[in-house]
């Protein structure tokens, strides 16, 4: 993008030791509550090896979820299995009115996404999450371009590939990251806490 700037946000992660597998896991403590569709929260888990003890970036996001909250949330995601009823209703509506085809597509995508999220959360919990190790930091880099409608954001770098989907599809995550960028731009210098 021409005239674009890169803003790096430092994100806090709760880090836990795992009894199985290698190393530990980090769970995003800042965006956890922002995720609009609860099942997408399983995408906020990253290997601790991708995190650092030192925070660096233009802005530092504050933790908004406790270690207990994120672990209980993962258990809830693993226990929940989405109902195919919404997809069935969308299929019926699309048979009656072809303009409902987009609703059928969306319902189908969300159903598959929720199934995958439950499977991912179950796999994470199978690693037997153990002792809490404290806070570590990961970075999200956003490319920002001023447009006639405001600013457009594009994810450049993140601790895991799941963040790209969250930035593209989850309004809650986009809203929080957009607000963090606005606050960063509003404060002089680096190291602003959001």
Protein backbone atom coordinates (compact mmCIF):
# COMPACT_ATOMS: atom_id res chain seq x y z
CA UNK A 1 0.00 0.00 0.00
CA UNK A 2 1.31 3.40 -0.92
CA UNK A 3 1.61 5.78 2.00
CA UNK A 4 0.90 3.03 4.51
CA UNK A 5 2.35 2.88 8.03
CA UNK A 6 3.14 -0.15 10.15
CA UNK A 7 1.97 -0.14 13.76
CA UNK A 8 3.16 -2.88 16.10
CA UNK A 9 0.92 -3.76 19.03
CA UNK A 10 2.37 -5.70 21.98
CA UNK A 11 -0.21 -8.21 23.24
CA UNK A 12 -0.10 -9.86 26.68
CA UNK A 13 -0.42 -13.65 26.89
CA UNK A 14 -1.10 -15.84 29.90
CA UNK A 15 1.47 -18.66 29.71
CA UNK A 16 0.90 -22.17 31.05
CA UNK A 17 3.12 -25.23 31.27
CA UNK A 18 1.78 -28.30 29.47
CA UNK A 19 2.37 -31.82 30.79
CA UNK A 20 2.34 -33.31 27.29
CA UNK A 21 4.07 -31.95 24.24
CA UNK A 22 6.98 -29.56 24.25
CA UNK A 23 7.05 -26.24 26.02
CA UNK A 24 4.04 -24.29 27.11
CA UNK A 25 1.06 -22.45 25.72
CA UNK A 26 0.21 -18.77 25.62
CA UNK A 27 -3.38 -17.52 25.58
CA UNK A 28 -4.10 -13.96 24.44
CA UNK A 29 -5.26 -12.04 27.52
CA UNK A 30 -6.20 -8.83 25.71
CA UNK A 31 -8.41 -9.93 22.81
CA UNK A 32 -10.10 -12.84 24.63
CA UNK A 33 -13.24 -10.89 25.53
CA UNK A 34 -13.27 -8.96 22.25
CA UNK A 35 -13.87 -12.02 20.07
CA UNK A 36 -17.47 -11.82 18.88
CA UNK A 37 -18.03 -15.53 18.19
CA UNK A 38 -16.90 -17.36 21.35
CA UNK A 39 -15.72 -20.46 19.47
CA UNK A 40 -13.09 -18.36 17.65
CA UNK A 41 -11.27 -17.82 20.95
CA UNK A 42 -9.43 -21.11 20.42
CA UNK A 43 -7.44 -19.26 17.72
CA UNK A 44 -5.90 -17.06 20.45
CA UNK A 45 -3.73 -19.92 21.74
CA UNK A 46 -0.11 -19.96 20.57
CA UNK A 47 3.04 -21.91 21.50
CA UNK A 48 4.97 -20.13 24.26
CA UNK A 49 8.09 -20.38 22.06
CA UNK A 50 6.62 -17.61 19.86
CA UNK A 51 6.40 -15.20 22.79
CA UNK A 52 8.97 -13.10 24.64
CA UNK A 53 9.38 -11.86 28.19
CA UNK A 54 10.00 -8.30 27.00
CA UNK A 55 7.27 -6.23 25.45
CA UNK A 56 8.09 -4.16 22.41
CA UNK A 57 5.93 -2.16 20.09
CA UNK A 58 4.22 1.15 19.51
CA UNK A 59 1.37 0.31 21.91
CA UNK A 60 0.96 -2.18 24.72
CA UNK A 61 -2.48 -3.73 25.10
CA UNK A 62 -3.65 -4.39 28.65
CA UNK A 63 -4.77 -7.84 29.79
CA UNK A 64 -8.54 -8.00 30.08
CA UNK A 65 -9.08 -11.68 30.92
CA UNK A 66 -7.74 -13.67 33.86
CA UNK A 67 -5.81 -16.95 33.52
CA UNK A 68 -8.77 -18.82 35.04
CA UNK A 69 -11.20 -17.21 32.58
CA UNK A 70 -9.22 -18.26 29.51
CA UNK A 71 -8.81 -21.88 30.67
CA UNK A 72 -12.50 -22.17 31.55
CA UNK A 73 -13.35 -20.62 28.17
CA UNK A 74 -11.27 -23.26 26.38
CA UNK A 75 -13.13 -25.97 28.32
CA UNK A 76 -16.47 -24.44 27.28
CA UNK A 77 -15.42 -24.37 23.61
CA UNK A 78 -14.25 -28.01 23.78
CA UNK A 79 -17.55 -29.11 25.39
CA UNK A 80 -19.79 -27.26 22.96
CA UNK A 81 -20.77 -28.85 19.70
CA UNK A 82 -22.62 -26.63 17.26
CA UNK A 83 -26.12 -27.58 16.23
CA UNK A 84 -26.75 -28.21 12.53
CA UNK A 85 -30.29 -26.82 13.01
CA UNK A 86 -29.32 -23.31 11.83
CA UNK A 87 -27.84 -24.77 8.64
CA UNK A 88 -31.01 -26.83 8.13
CA UNK A 89 -33.21 -23.72 8.54
CA UNK A 90 -31.02 -21.79 6.10
CA UNK A 91 -31.34 -24.62 3.55
CA UNK A 92 -35.12 -24.52 3.82
CA UNK A 93 -35.16 -20.74 3.45
CA UNK A 94 -32.88 -20.95 0.38
CA UNK A 95 -35.23 -23.49 -1.24
CA UNK A 96 -38.16 -21.12 -0.79
CA UNK A 97 -36.32 -17.92 -1.63
CA UNK A 98 -33.03 -17.98 -3.57
CA UNK A 99 -32.04 -14.63 -2.00
CA UNK A 100 -31.34 -16.55 1.24
CA UNK A 101 -28.42 -18.37 -0.43
CA UNK A 102 -25.90 -16.05 1.25
CA UNK A 103 -27.39 -16.89 4.68
CA UNK A 104 -26.98 -20.59 3.87
CA UNK A 105 -23.34 -20.02 2.93
CA UNK A 106 -22.68 -18.05 6.14
CA UNK A 107 -24.47 -20.61 8.35
CA UNK A 108 -22.49 -23.44 6.75
CA UNK A 109 -19.15 -21.66 7.20
CA UNK A 110 -19.88 -20.84 10.84
CA UNK A 111 -21.00 -24.43 11.55
CA UNK A 112 -17.76 -25.86 10.12
CA UNK A 113 -15.70 -23.18 11.89
CA UNK A 114 -17.38 -23.98 15.24
CA UNK A 115 -16.71 -27.72 14.78
CA UNK A 116 -13.04 -27.06 14.03
CA UNK A 117 -12.76 -24.70 17.01
CA UNK A 118 -14.20 -27.35 19.36
CA UNK A 119 -11.73 -29.91 17.99
CA UNK A 120 -8.83 -27.46 18.39
CA UNK A 121 -9.83 -26.60 21.97
CA UNK A 122 -10.06 -30.32 22.80
CA UNK A 123 -6.59 -30.92 21.35
CA UNK A 124 -5.19 -28.01 23.39
CA UNK A 125 -6.73 -29.37 26.59
CA UNK A 126 -5.35 -32.86 25.83
CA UNK A 127 -1.88 -31.35 26.31
CA UNK A 128 -2.86 -31.18 30.00
CA UNK A 129 -2.48 -27.54 30.84
CA UNK A 130 -0.68 -27.21 34.13
CA UNK A 131 0.86 -24.48 36.24
CA UNK A 132 0.46 -20.82 35.35
CA UNK A 133 3.84 -19.30 34.42
CA UNK A 134 2.91 -15.62 34.24
CA UNK A 135 2.67 -13.09 31.45
CA UNK A 136 4.64 -13.03 28.19
CA UNK A 137 4.28 -10.83 25.12
CA UNK A 138 3.55 -11.35 21.45
CA UNK A 139 3.31 -8.82 18.67
CA UNK A 140 0.74 -8.00 16.04
CA UNK A 141 1.82 -5.71 13.21
CA UNK A 142 -0.84 -3.89 11.25
CA UNK A 143 -0.36 -1.99 8.01
CA UNK A 144 -2.55 1.09 8.10
CA UNK A 145 -3.56 3.18 5.14
CA UNK A 146 -5.69 6.31 5.30
CA UNK A 147 -8.69 6.04 2.99
CA UNK A 148 -11.60 8.32 2.21
CA UNK A 149 -13.71 6.34 4.72
CA UNK A 150 -11.13 6.46 7.51
CA UNK A 151 -8.36 3.89 7.83
CA UNK A 152 -7.97 0.41 6.43
CA UNK A 153 -6.03 -2.26 8.33
CA UNK A 154 -4.12 -5.25 7.03
CA UNK A 155 -2.43 -7.78 9.26
CA UNK A 156 1.27 -8.09 8.45
CA UNK A 157 2.58 -10.20 11.33
CA UNK A 158 1.02 -12.14 14.22
CA UNK A 159 2.01 -14.89 16.69
CA UNK A 160 -0.12 -17.44 14.81
CA UNK A 161 -1.97 -17.77 11.48
CA UNK A 162 -5.31 -17.76 13.32
CA UNK A 163 -5.04 -14.02 13.90
CA UNK A 164 -5.42 -13.34 10.17
CA UNK A 165 -8.85 -14.97 10.21
CA UNK A 166 -9.82 -13.10 13.35
CA UNK A 167 -8.82 -9.73 11.90
CA UNK A 168 -10.64 -10.50 8.64
CA UNK A 169 -13.84 -12.09 10.01
CA UNK A 170 -14.42 -11.04 13.61
CA UNK A 171 -15.89 -7.56 14.11
CA UNK A 172 -15.05 -7.51 17.82
CA UNK A 173 -11.33 -8.10 17.20
CA UNK A 174 -11.25 -5.51 14.40
CA UNK A 175 -13.00 -3.00 16.66
CA UNK A 176 -10.51 -3.46 19.54
CA UNK A 177 -7.45 -3.37 17.28
CA UNK A 178 -8.82 -0.32 15.46
CA UNK A 179 -9.41 1.45 18.78
CA UNK A 180 -5.87 0.57 19.92
CA UNK A 181 -4.46 2.06 16.72
CA UNK A 182 -6.54 5.24 17.16
CA UNK A 183 -5.32 5.64 20.74
CA UNK A 184 -1.72 5.03 19.65
CA UNK A 185 -1.97 7.67 16.96
CA UNK A 186 -3.49 10.07 19.47
CA UNK A 187 -0.54 9.79 21.87
CA UNK A 188 2.91 11.07 21.09
CA UNK A 189 5.85 8.69 21.21
CA UNK A 190 5.84 4.96 21.71
CA UNK A 191 4.95 2.73 24.56
CA UNK A 192 1.32 3.82 24.99
CA UNK A 193 -0.86 1.49 27.05
CA UNK A 194 -4.27 0.70 25.61
